[in-house]
Amino acid sequence: MERVLKKAAQTMATQAPESEQTQTATPRARRRTAAAVSRPVQRGTTVAAVIYRDLRNEIVSLHRKPGEPIAEKLIAQDYGVSRTPVREAVLRLADEGLIEIFPQSGTFVSRIPLGALPEAIAIRKALEEATVRYAAQRASRSQIAKLRANLELQKEMEAAGNFDGFHQADEAFHALIAETAGYPGFWTITQQVKVQVDRFRLLTLPVLGRVNAVIAEHTAIVDAIANHDPAAAAKALDDHLDYLQVTIADAQKANPLYFTAPLEGEAAPV
């Protein structure tokens, strides 16, 4: 977790371009498959950066399941590139704990580290509690209106049964709180800290009634911000994030192959 926080701080301090990639993302339509062509590449973005972004999104969203093999050769074929930028992306993801590389065995999506979740949730809570207090102090009418509009989007995603869409709206909601606070960088750091929590949390959304409960919790947060009540906003946020802590064990029991066991001498979450 120290490594994640250090990396987040470096990201905030400098936004230097990635110099390590050696290939530019120039479309090579004749060599790319239909799957790869559907993935947009912005001009000036390196191939390795695009592959890293796409793989990371697929892993965090659980479109690539914990324990699933990563076939570097097939990914290279999809993007019409050599294996070098793919390997660079894989190594970055391994450094973040999202991919595991086993010599002679293969490369796999990492399982969710059960023992690391309580700490990550605690760090996220500390960061977001500060953020929501500032938001409650500073929120303008237009900012409150944006938060309420986002709540409506969440309700639409719930009605459609669109868990991916709901997750994206949820992420946008928390980003809006940081923007309202005047410190959008808080959310940048939080995103890096909570990457493993996101994978676990997505497992809880299909639980009957959970999405509706999340919307109610978000509504309480917005009401407190609209009332310019920092203490109530912080309490509403704590209540919202506490659910994550108490449901770790249930998620692990329902999806045992998606999680690593706690380290020796480390208590399992209850």
C-alpha atoms as a PDB file:
ATOM      1  CA  MET A   1       0.000   0.000   0.000  1.00  0.00           C
ATOM      2  CA  GLU A   2       2.964   2.347   0.648  1.00  0.00           C
ATOM      3  CA  ARG A   3       4.076   1.777  -2.931  1.00  0.00           C
ATOM      4  CA  VAL A   4       0.616   2.721  -4.214  1.00  0.00           C
ATOM      5  CA  LEU A   5       0.514   5.941  -2.184  1.00  0.00           C
ATOM      6  CA  LYS A   6       4.037   6.901  -3.232  1.00  0.00           C
ATOM      7  CA  LYS A   7       3.149   6.296  -6.854  1.00  0.00           C
ATOM      8  CA  ALA A   8      -0.035   8.349  -6.474  1.00  0.00           C
ATOM      9  CA  ALA A   9       1.927  11.250  -4.997  1.00  0.00           C
ATOM     10  CA  GLN A  10       4.374  11.138  -7.891  1.00  0.00           C
ATOM     11  CA  THR A  11       1.476  11.158 -10.345  1.00  0.00           C
ATOM     12  CA  MET A  12       0.040  14.269  -8.711  1.00  0.00           C
ATOM     13  CA  ALA A  13       3.405  16.040  -8.641  1.00  0.00           C
ATOM     14  CA  THR A  14       4.372  15.420 -12.252  1.00  0.00           C
ATOM     15  CA  GLN A  15       2.357  14.460 -15.276  1.00  0.00           C
ATOM     16  CA  ALA A  16       5.341  13.731 -17.504  1.00  0.00           C
ATOM     17  CA  PRO A  17       4.710  11.749 -20.682  1.00  0.00           C
ATOM     18  CA  GLU A  18       5.654   8.102 -20.641  1.00  0.00           C
ATOM     19  CA  SER A  19       9.041   7.916 -22.303  1.00  0.00           C
ATOM     20  CA  GLU A  20       9.628   4.221 -21.904  1.00  0.00           C
ATOM     21  CA  GLN A  21       7.351   3.143 -24.733  1.00  0.00           C
ATOM     22  CA  THR A  22       9.125   2.919 -28.051  1.00  0.00           C
ATOM     23  CA  GLN A  23       6.245   2.511 -30.491  1.00  0.00           C
ATOM     24  CA  THR A  24       3.633   5.131 -31.388  1.00  0.00           C
ATOM     25  CA  ALA A  25       0.002   4.191 -31.729  1.00  0.00           C
ATOM     26  CA  THR A  26      -0.337   4.543 -35.485  1.00  0.00           C
ATOM     27  CA  PRO A  27      -3.293   2.530 -36.842  1.00  0.00           C
ATOM     28  CA  ARG A  28      -2.212  -0.526 -38.796  1.00  0.00           C
ATOM     29  CA  ALA A  29      -5.570  -1.663 -40.087  1.00  0.00           C
ATOM     30  CA  ARG A  30      -4.325  -4.465 -42.280  1.00  0.00           C
ATOM     31  CA  ARG A  31      -2.778  -6.297 -39.321  1.00  0.00           C
ATOM     32  CA  ARG A  32      -5.312  -5.576 -36.607  1.00  0.00           C
ATOM     33  CA  THR A  33      -8.331  -7.731 -35.901  1.00  0.00           C
ATOM     34  CA  ALA A  34     -11.875  -6.393 -35.616  1.00  0.00           C
ATOM     35  CA  ALA A  35     -11.610  -6.493 -31.810  1.00  0.00           C
ATOM     36  CA  ALA A  36      -8.547  -4.282 -31.806  1.00  0.00           C
ATOM     37  CA  VAL A  37      -9.901  -1.859 -34.418  1.00  0.00           C
ATOM     38  CA  SER A  38     -12.846  -1.144 -32.119  1.00  0.00           C
ATOM     39  CA  ARG A  39     -10.464   0.244 -29.476  1.00  0.00           C
ATOM     40  CA  PRO A  40      -9.785   3.953 -30.194  1.00  0.00           C
ATOM     41  CA  VAL A  41      -6.186   5.145 -30.146  1.00  0.00           C
ATOM     42  CA  GLN A  42      -5.627   8.872 -29.657  1.00  0.00           C
ATOM     43  CA  ARG A  43      -2.983  10.569 -31.754  1.00  0.00           C
ATOM     44  CA  GLY A  44       0.280  10.792 -29.850  1.00  0.00           C
ATOM     45  CA  THR A  45      -0.667   8.041 -27.426  1.00  0.00           C
ATOM     46  CA  THR A  46       1.794   5.170 -27.330  1.00  0.00           C
ATOM     47  CA  VAL A  47       0.724   1.631 -28.073  1.00  0.00           C
ATOM     48  CA  ALA A  48       1.939   0.410 -24.683  1.00  0.00           C
ATOM     49  CA  ALA A  49      -0.096   3.116 -22.921  1.00  0.00           C
ATOM     50  CA  VAL A  50      -3.249   2.181 -24.834  1.00  0.00           C
ATOM     51  CA  ILE A  51      -2.802  -1.529 -24.135  1.00  0.00           C
ATOM     52  CA  TYR A  52      -2.127  -0.767 -20.464  1.00  0.00           C
ATOM     53  CA  ARG A  53      -5.279   1.355 -20.240  1.00  0.00           C
ATOM     54  CA  ASP A  54      -7.469  -1.215 -21.956  1.00  0.00           C
ATOM     55  CA  LEU A  55      -6.151  -4.178 -19.967  1.00  0.00           C
ATOM     56  CA  ARG A  56      -6.433  -2.265 -16.714  1.00  0.00           C
ATOM     57  CA  ASN A  57     -10.050  -1.336 -17.424  1.00  0.00           C
ATOM     58  CA  GLU A  58     -10.881  -4.927 -18.350  1.00  0.00           C
ATOM     59  CA  ILE A  59      -9.316  -6.256 -15.142  1.00  0.00           C
ATOM     60  CA  VAL A  60     -10.806  -3.679 -12.780  1.00  0.00           C
ATOM     61  CA  SER A  61     -14.262  -4.088 -14.362  1.00  0.00           C
ATOM     62  CA  LEU A  62     -13.971  -7.894 -14.008  1.00  0.00           C
ATOM     63  CA  HIS A  63     -14.321  -8.396 -17.742  1.00  0.00           C
ATOM     64  CA  ARG A  64     -11.080 -10.286 -17.230  1.00  0.00           C
ATOM     65  CA  LYS A  65     -11.704 -12.497 -14.226  1.00  0.00           C
ATOM     66  CA  PRO A  66      -9.246 -13.066 -11.359  1.00  0.00           C
ATOM     67  CA  GLY A  67      -7.052 -16.049 -12.236  1.00  0.00           C
ATOM     68  CA  GLU A  68      -7.725 -15.767 -15.982  1.00  0.00           C
ATOM     69  CA  PRO A  69      -4.667 -16.303 -18.239  1.00  0.00           C
ATOM     70  CA  ILE A  70      -3.182 -13.348 -20.098  1.00  0.00           C
ATOM     71  CA  ALA A  71      -2.100 -14.358 -23.615  1.00  0.00           C
ATOM     72  CA  GLU A  72       0.430 -11.720 -24.642  1.00  0.00           C
ATOM     73  CA  LYS A  73       0.747 -13.119 -28.152  1.00  0.00           C
ATOM     74  CA  LEU A  74      -2.993 -12.829 -28.802  1.00  0.00           C
ATOM     75  CA  ILE A  75      -3.115  -9.302 -27.394  1.00  0.00           C
ATOM     76  CA  ALA A  76      -0.242  -8.299 -29.687  1.00  0.00           C
ATOM     77  CA  GLN A  77      -2.144  -9.742 -32.651  1.00  0.00           C
ATOM     78  CA  ASP A  78      -5.285  -7.853 -31.670  1.00  0.00           C
ATOM     79  CA  TYR A  79      -3.406  -4.535 -31.713  1.00  0.00           C
ATOM     80  CA  GLY A  80      -1.229  -5.374 -34.707  1.00  0.00           C
ATOM     81  CA  VAL A  81       2.009  -4.807 -32.809  1.00  0.00           C
ATOM     82  CA  SER A  82       5.001  -6.772 -31.580  1.00  0.00           C
ATOM     83  CA  ARG A  83       4.955  -8.277 -28.096  1.00  0.00           C
ATOM     84  CA  THR A  84       7.245  -5.532 -26.741  1.00  0.00           C
ATOM     85  CA  PRO A  85       4.545  -2.911 -25.939  1.00  0.00           C
ATOM     86  CA  VAL A  86       2.284  -5.674 -24.619  1.00  0.00           C
ATOM     87  CA  ARG A  87       5.035  -6.801 -22.274  1.00  0.00           C
ATOM     88  CA  GLU A  88       5.577  -3.232 -21.093  1.00  0.00           C
ATOM     89  CA  ALA A  89       1.874  -2.884 -20.291  1.00  0.00           C
ATOM     90  CA  VAL A  90       1.816  -6.247 -18.496  1.00  0.00           C
ATOM     91  CA  LEU A  91       4.820  -5.298 -16.359  1.00  0.00           C
ATOM     92  CA  ARG A  92       3.140  -2.038 -15.315  1.00  0.00           C
ATOM     93  CA  LEU A  93       0.014  -3.939 -14.312  1.00  0.00           C
ATOM     94  CA  ALA A  94       2.114  -6.470 -12.417  1.00  0.00           C
ATOM     95  CA  ASP A  95       3.692  -3.592 -10.509  1.00  0.00           C
ATOM     96  CA  GLU A  96       0.172  -2.453  -9.529  1.00  0.00           C
ATOM     97  CA  GLY A  97      -0.727  -5.937  -8.333  1.00  0.00           C
ATOM     98  CA  LEU A  98      -3.298  -6.540 -11.064  1.00  0.00           C
ATOM     99  CA  ILE A  99      -1.311  -9.189 -12.944  1.00  0.00           C
ATOM    100  CA  GLU A 100       0.864 -12.043 -11.676  1.00  0.00           C
ATOM    101  CA  ILE A 101       3.741 -13.458 -13.696  1.00  0.00           C
ATOM    102  CA  PHE A 102       4.868 -17.003 -12.948  1.00  0.00           C
ATOM    103  CA  PRO A 103       8.026 -18.117 -14.776  1.00  0.00           C
ATOM    104  CA  GLN A 104       7.483 -21.379 -16.642  1.00  0.00           C
ATOM    105  CA  SER A 105       3.760 -21.238 -15.818  1.00  0.00           C
ATOM    106  CA  GLY A 106       2.328 -18.145 -17.435  1.00  0.00           C
ATOM    107  CA  THR A 107       0.803 -14.734 -16.819  1.00  0.00           C
ATOM    108  CA  PHE A 108      -2.555 -14.375 -15.072  1.00  0.00           C
ATOM    109  CA  VAL A 109      -4.972 -11.748 -13.793  1.00  0.00           C
ATOM    110  CA  SER A 110      -4.169 -11.526 -10.095  1.00  0.00           C
ATOM    111  CA  ARG A 111      -6.683 -12.674  -7.548  1.00  0.00           C
ATOM    112  CA  ILE A 112      -8.110 -10.055  -5.196  1.00  0.00           C
ATOM    113  CA  PRO A 113      -5.825  -9.833  -2.130  1.00  0.00           C
ATOM    114  CA  LEU A 114      -8.228 -10.474   0.726  1.00  0.00           C
ATOM    115  CA  GLY A 115      -5.893  -9.227   3.448  1.00  0.00           C
ATOM    116  CA  ALA A 116      -5.221  -5.890   1.719  1.00  0.00           C
ATOM    117  CA  LEU A 117      -8.868  -4.822   1.407  1.00  0.00           C
ATOM    118  CA  PRO A 118      -9.482  -3.490   4.959  1.00  0.00           C
ATOM    119  CA  GLU A 119      -6.461  -1.166   4.754  1.00  0.00           C
ATOM    120  CA  ALA A 120      -7.414   0.077   1.290  1.00  0.00           C
ATOM    121  CA  ILE A 121     -10.976   0.782   2.454  1.00  0.00           C
ATOM    122  CA  ALA A 122      -9.673   2.650   5.526  1.00  0.00           C
ATOM    123  CA  ILE A 123      -7.386   4.822   3.384  1.00  0.00           C
ATOM    124  CA  ARG A 124     -10.185   5.531   0.941  1.00  0.00           C
ATOM    125  CA  LYS A 125     -12.491   6.513   3.803  1.00  0.00           C
ATOM    126  CA  ALA A 126      -9.933   8.937   5.237  1.00  0.00           C
ATOM    127  CA  LEU A 127      -9.390  10.620   1.870  1.00  0.00           C
ATOM    128  CA  GLU A 128     -13.069  10.869   0.951  1.00  0.00           C
ATOM    129  CA  GLU A 129     -14.162  12.013   4.390  1.00  0.00           C
ATOM    130  CA  ALA A 130     -11.893  15.049   4.049  1.00  0.00           C
ATOM    131  CA  THR A 131     -13.175  15.609   0.512  1.00  0.00           C
ATOM    132  CA  VAL A 132     -16.856  15.503   1.412  1.00  0.00           C
ATOM    133  CA  ARG A 133     -16.344  17.930   4.320  1.00  0.00           C
ATOM    134  CA  TYR A 134     -14.814  20.472   1.958  1.00  0.00           C
ATOM    135  CA  ALA A 135     -17.632  19.860  -0.531  1.00  0.00           C
ATOM    136  CA  ALA A 136     -20.261  20.570   2.120  1.00  0.00           C
ATOM    137  CA  GLN A 137     -18.536  23.833   2.988  1.00  0.00           C
ATOM    138  CA  ARG A 138     -18.065  25.052  -0.567  1.00  0.00           C
ATOM    139  CA  ALA A 139     -20.816  23.588  -2.756  1.00  0.00           C
ATOM    140  CA  SER A 140     -22.556  26.024  -5.088  1.00  0.00           C
ATOM    141  CA  ARG A 141     -26.116  25.608  -6.325  1.00  0.00           C
ATOM    142  CA  SER A 142     -24.922  24.507  -9.753  1.00  0.00           C
ATOM    143  CA  GLN A 143     -22.574  21.923  -8.244  1.00  0.00           C
ATOM    144  CA  ILE A 144     -25.375  20.518  -6.105  1.00  0.00           C
ATOM    145  CA  ALA A 145     -27.522  20.339  -9.246  1.00  0.00           C
ATOM    146  CA  LYS A 146     -24.803  18.285 -10.974  1.00  0.00           C
ATOM    147  CA  LEU A 147     -24.718  15.853  -8.062  1.00  0.00           C
ATOM    148  CA  ARG A 148     -28.491  15.446  -8.164  1.00  0.00           C
ATOM    149  CA  ALA A 149     -28.385  14.933 -11.929  1.00  0.00           C
ATOM    150  CA  ASN A 150     -25.859  12.166 -11.378  1.00  0.00           C
ATOM    151  CA  LEU A 151     -28.247  10.533  -8.888  1.00  0.00           C
ATOM    152  CA  GLU A 152     -30.868  10.455 -11.638  1.00  0.00           C
ATOM    153  CA  LEU A 153     -28.362   8.768 -13.947  1.00  0.00           C
ATOM    154  CA  GLN A 154     -27.694   6.144 -11.280  1.00  0.00           C
ATOM    155  CA  LYS A 155     -31.430   5.463 -11.042  1.00  0.00           C
ATOM    156  CA  GLU A 156     -31.644   5.054 -14.813  1.00  0.00           C
ATOM    157  CA  MET A 157     -28.793   2.534 -14.749  1.00  0.00           C
ATOM    158  CA  GLU A 158     -30.510   0.635 -11.939  1.00  0.00           C
ATOM    159  CA  ALA A 159     -33.796   0.514 -13.850  1.00  0.00           C
ATOM    160  CA  ALA A 160     -31.963  -0.831 -16.904  1.00  0.00           C
ATOM    161  CA  GLY A 161     -30.121  -3.441 -14.841  1.00  0.00           C
ATOM    162  CA  ASN A 162     -26.867  -2.017 -16.223  1.00  0.00           C
ATOM    163  CA  PHE A 163     -24.234  -2.732 -13.569  1.00  0.00           C
ATOM    164  CA  ASP A 164     -21.340  -1.454 -15.692  1.00  0.00           C
ATOM    165  CA  GLY A 165     -23.202   1.775 -16.374  1.00  0.00           C
ATOM    166  CA  PHE A 166     -24.083   2.122 -12.712  1.00  0.00           C
ATOM    167  CA  HIS A 167     -20.444   1.629 -11.707  1.00  0.00           C
ATOM    168  CA  GLN A 168     -19.375   4.372 -14.118  1.00  0.00           C
ATOM    169  CA  ALA A 169     -22.049   6.722 -12.756  1.00  0.00           C
ATOM    170  CA  ASP A 170     -20.918   5.863  -9.219  1.00  0.00           C
ATOM    171  CA  GLU A 171     -17.313   6.735 -10.098  1.00  0.00           C
ATOM    172  CA  ALA A 172     -18.463  10.017 -11.663  1.00  0.00           C
ATOM    173  CA  PHE A 173     -20.436  10.809  -8.505  1.00  0.00           C
ATOM    174  CA  HIS A 174     -17.393  10.554  -6.256  1.00  0.00           C
ATOM    175  CA  ALA A 175     -15.310  12.519  -8.776  1.00  0.00           C
ATOM    176  CA  LEU A 176     -17.951  15.276  -8.685  1.00  0.00           C
ATOM    177  CA  ILE A 177     -17.673  15.448  -4.903  1.00  0.00           C
ATOM    178  CA  ALA A 178     -13.922  16.017  -5.199  1.00  0.00           C
ATOM    179  CA  GLU A 179     -14.535  18.653  -7.872  1.00  0.00           C
ATOM    180  CA  THR A 180     -17.099  20.340  -5.636  1.00  0.00           C
ATOM    181  CA  ALA A 181     -14.598  20.312  -2.778  1.00  0.00           C
ATOM    182  CA  GLY A 182     -12.127  22.170  -4.957  1.00  0.00           C
ATOM    183  CA  TYR A 183      -9.601  19.339  -4.725  1.00  0.00           C
ATOM    184  CA  PRO A 184     -10.100  17.020  -7.729  1.00  0.00           C
ATOM    185  CA  GLY A 185      -6.654  15.552  -7.076  1.00  0.00           C
ATOM    186  CA  PHE A 186      -8.045  13.803  -4.002  1.00  0.00           C
ATOM    187  CA  TRP A 187     -10.035  11.550  -6.307  1.00  0.00           C
ATOM    188  CA  THR A 188      -6.963  10.844  -8.443  1.00  0.00           C
ATOM    189  CA  ILE A 189      -5.160   9.498  -5.388  1.00  0.00           C
ATOM    190  CA  THR A 190      -8.243   7.635  -4.164  1.00  0.00           C
ATOM    191  CA  GLN A 191      -8.610   5.851  -7.505  1.00  0.00           C
ATOM    192  CA  GLN A 192      -5.106   4.445  -7.245  1.00  0.00           C
ATOM    193  CA  VAL A 193      -5.590   3.315  -3.646  1.00  0.00           C
ATOM    194  CA  LYS A 194      -8.925   1.600  -4.258  1.00  0.00           C
ATOM    195  CA  VAL A 195      -8.141  -0.425  -7.387  1.00  0.00           C
ATOM    196  CA  GLN A 196      -8.455  -3.793  -5.592  1.00  0.00           C
ATOM    197  CA  VAL A 197     -11.514  -2.566  -3.692  1.00  0.00           C
ATOM    198  CA  ASP A 198     -13.239  -1.804  -7.000  1.00  0.00           C
ATOM    199  CA  ARG A 199     -12.874  -5.394  -8.167  1.00  0.00           C
ATOM    200  CA  PHE A 200     -14.340  -6.662  -4.893  1.00  0.00           C
ATOM    201  CA  ARG A 201     -17.106  -4.040  -4.893  1.00  0.00           C
ATOM    202  CA  LEU A 202     -18.312  -5.008  -8.362  1.00  0.00           C
ATOM    203  CA  LEU A 203     -19.039  -8.469  -6.983  1.00  0.00           C
ATOM    204  CA  THR A 204     -21.515  -6.923  -4.517  1.00  0.00           C
ATOM    205  CA  LEU A 205     -23.619  -4.960  -7.042  1.00  0.00           C
ATOM    206  CA  PRO A 206     -25.695  -7.921  -8.286  1.00  0.00           C
ATOM    207  CA  VAL A 207     -26.762  -8.656  -4.683  1.00  0.00           C
ATOM    208  CA  LEU A 208     -30.510  -8.077  -4.535  1.00  0.00           C
ATOM    209  CA  GLY A 209     -31.277  -4.546  -3.348  1.00  0.00           C
ATOM    210  CA  ARG A 210     -27.655  -3.388  -3.171  1.00  0.00           C
ATOM    211  CA  VAL A 211     -27.771  -0.876  -6.030  1.00  0.00           C
ATOM    212  CA  ASN A 212     -30.914   0.698  -4.618  1.00  0.00           C
ATOM    213  CA  ALA A 213     -29.216   0.937  -1.214  1.00  0.00           C
ATOM    214  CA  VAL A 214     -26.169   2.620  -2.769  1.00  0.00           C
ATOM    215  CA  ILE A 215     -28.402   5.230  -4.409  1.00  0.00           C
ATOM    216  CA  ALA A 216     -30.068   5.918  -1.047  1.00  0.00           C
ATOM    217  CA  GLU A 217     -26.643   6.303   0.580  1.00  0.00           C
ATOM    218  CA  HIS A 218     -25.507   8.659  -2.182  1.00  0.00           C
ATOM    219  CA  THR A 219     -28.704  10.679  -1.774  1.00  0.00           C
ATOM    220  CA  ALA A 220     -27.971  11.137   1.941  1.00  0.00           C
ATOM    221  CA  ILE A 221     -24.496  12.420   1.065  1.00  0.00           C
ATOM    222  CA  VAL A 222     -25.889  14.930  -1.448  1.00  0.00           C
ATOM    223  CA  ASP A 223     -28.562  16.123   0.986  1.00  0.00           C
ATOM    224  CA  ALA A 224     -25.893  16.822   3.618  1.00  0.00           C
ATOM    225  CA  ILE A 225     -23.739  18.669   1.074  1.00  0.00           C
ATOM    226  CA  ALA A 226     -26.764  20.710  -0.048  1.00  0.00           C
ATOM    227  CA  ASN A 227     -27.433  21.611   3.598  1.00  0.00           C
ATOM    228  CA  HIS A 228     -23.785  22.671   3.981  1.00  0.00           C
ATOM    229  CA  ASP A 229     -23.398  20.308   6.922  1.00  0.00           C
ATOM    230  CA  PRO A 230     -19.847  18.865   6.900  1.00  0.00           C
ATOM    231  CA  ALA A 231     -20.409  16.588   9.903  1.00  0.00           C
ATOM    232  CA  ALA A 232     -23.559  15.044   8.412  1.00  0.00           C
ATOM    233  CA  ALA A 233     -21.848  14.647   5.043  1.00  0.00           C
ATOM    234  CA  ALA A 234     -18.903  12.839   6.639  1.00  0.00           C
ATOM    235  CA  LYS A 235     -21.244  10.531   8.578  1.00  0.00           C
ATOM    236  CA  ALA A 236     -23.264   9.727   5.455  1.00  0.00           C
ATOM    237  CA  LEU A 237     -20.064   8.905   3.601  1.00  0.00           C
ATOM    238  CA  ASP A 238     -18.827   6.695   6.450  1.00  0.00           C
ATOM    239  CA  ASP A 239     -22.122   4.811   6.486  1.00  0.00           C
ATOM    240  CA  HIS A 240     -21.806   4.330   2.724  1.00  0.00           C
ATOM    241  CA  LEU A 241     -18.256   2.958   2.823  1.00  0.00           C
ATOM    242  CA  ASP A 242     -18.766   0.844   5.952  1.00  0.00           C
ATOM    243  CA  TYR A 243     -20.830  -1.572   3.863  1.00  0.00           C
ATOM    244  CA  LEU A 244     -17.696  -2.535   1.959  1.00  0.00           C
ATOM    245  CA  GLN A 245     -15.916  -3.554   5.135  1.00  0.00           C
ATOM    246  CA  VAL A 246     -18.691  -5.751   6.465  1.00  0.00           C
ATOM    247  CA  THR A 247     -19.331  -7.571   3.174  1.00  0.00           C
ATOM    248  CA  ILE A 248     -15.777  -8.704   2.381  1.00  0.00           C
ATOM    249  CA  ALA A 249     -16.290 -12.121   3.952  1.00  0.00           C
ATOM    250  CA  ASP A 250     -19.603 -12.668   2.136  1.00  0.00           C
ATOM    251  CA  ALA A 251     -18.086 -11.790  -1.228  1.00  0.00           C
ATOM    252  CA  GLN A 252     -15.164 -14.124  -0.600  1.00  0.00           C
ATOM    253  CA  LYS A 253     -17.443 -17.000   0.346  1.00  0.00           C
ATOM    254  CA  ALA A 254     -19.553 -16.476  -2.778  1.00  0.00           C
ATOM    255  CA  ASN A 255     -16.499 -16.217  -5.071  1.00  0.00           C
ATOM    256  CA  PRO A 256     -13.694 -18.148  -3.344  1.00  0.00           C
ATOM    257  CA  LEU A 257     -11.584 -18.582  -6.489  1.00  0.00           C
ATOM    258  CA  TYR A 258     -11.429 -14.816  -7.045  1.00  0.00           C
ATOM    259  CA  PHE A 259      -9.590 -14.088  -3.795  1.00  0.00           C
ATOM    260  CA  THR A 260      -6.211 -14.876  -2.300  1.00  0.00           C
ATOM    261  CA  ALA A 261      -6.103 -16.267   1.232  1.00  0.00           C
ATOM    262  CA  PRO A 262      -4.852 -13.960   4.021  1.00  0.00           C
ATOM    263  CA  LEU A 263      -1.146 -14.159   4.688  1.00  0.00           C
ATOM    264  CA  GLU A 264       0.079 -16.339   7.531  1.00  0.00           C
ATOM    265  CA  GLY A 265      -0.649 -14.636  10.847  1.00  0.00           C
ATOM    266  CA  GLU A 266      -3.101 -12.247   9.177  1.00  0.00           C
ATOM    267  CA  ALA A 267      -6.696 -12.385  10.341  1.00  0.00           C
ATOM    268  CA  ALA A 268      -9.354 -12.901   7.698  1.00  0.00           C
ATOM    269  CA  PRO A 269     -11.970 -10.089   7.428  1.00  0.00           C
ATOM    270  CA  VAL A 270     -15.210 -10.879   9.227  1.00  0.00           C
END
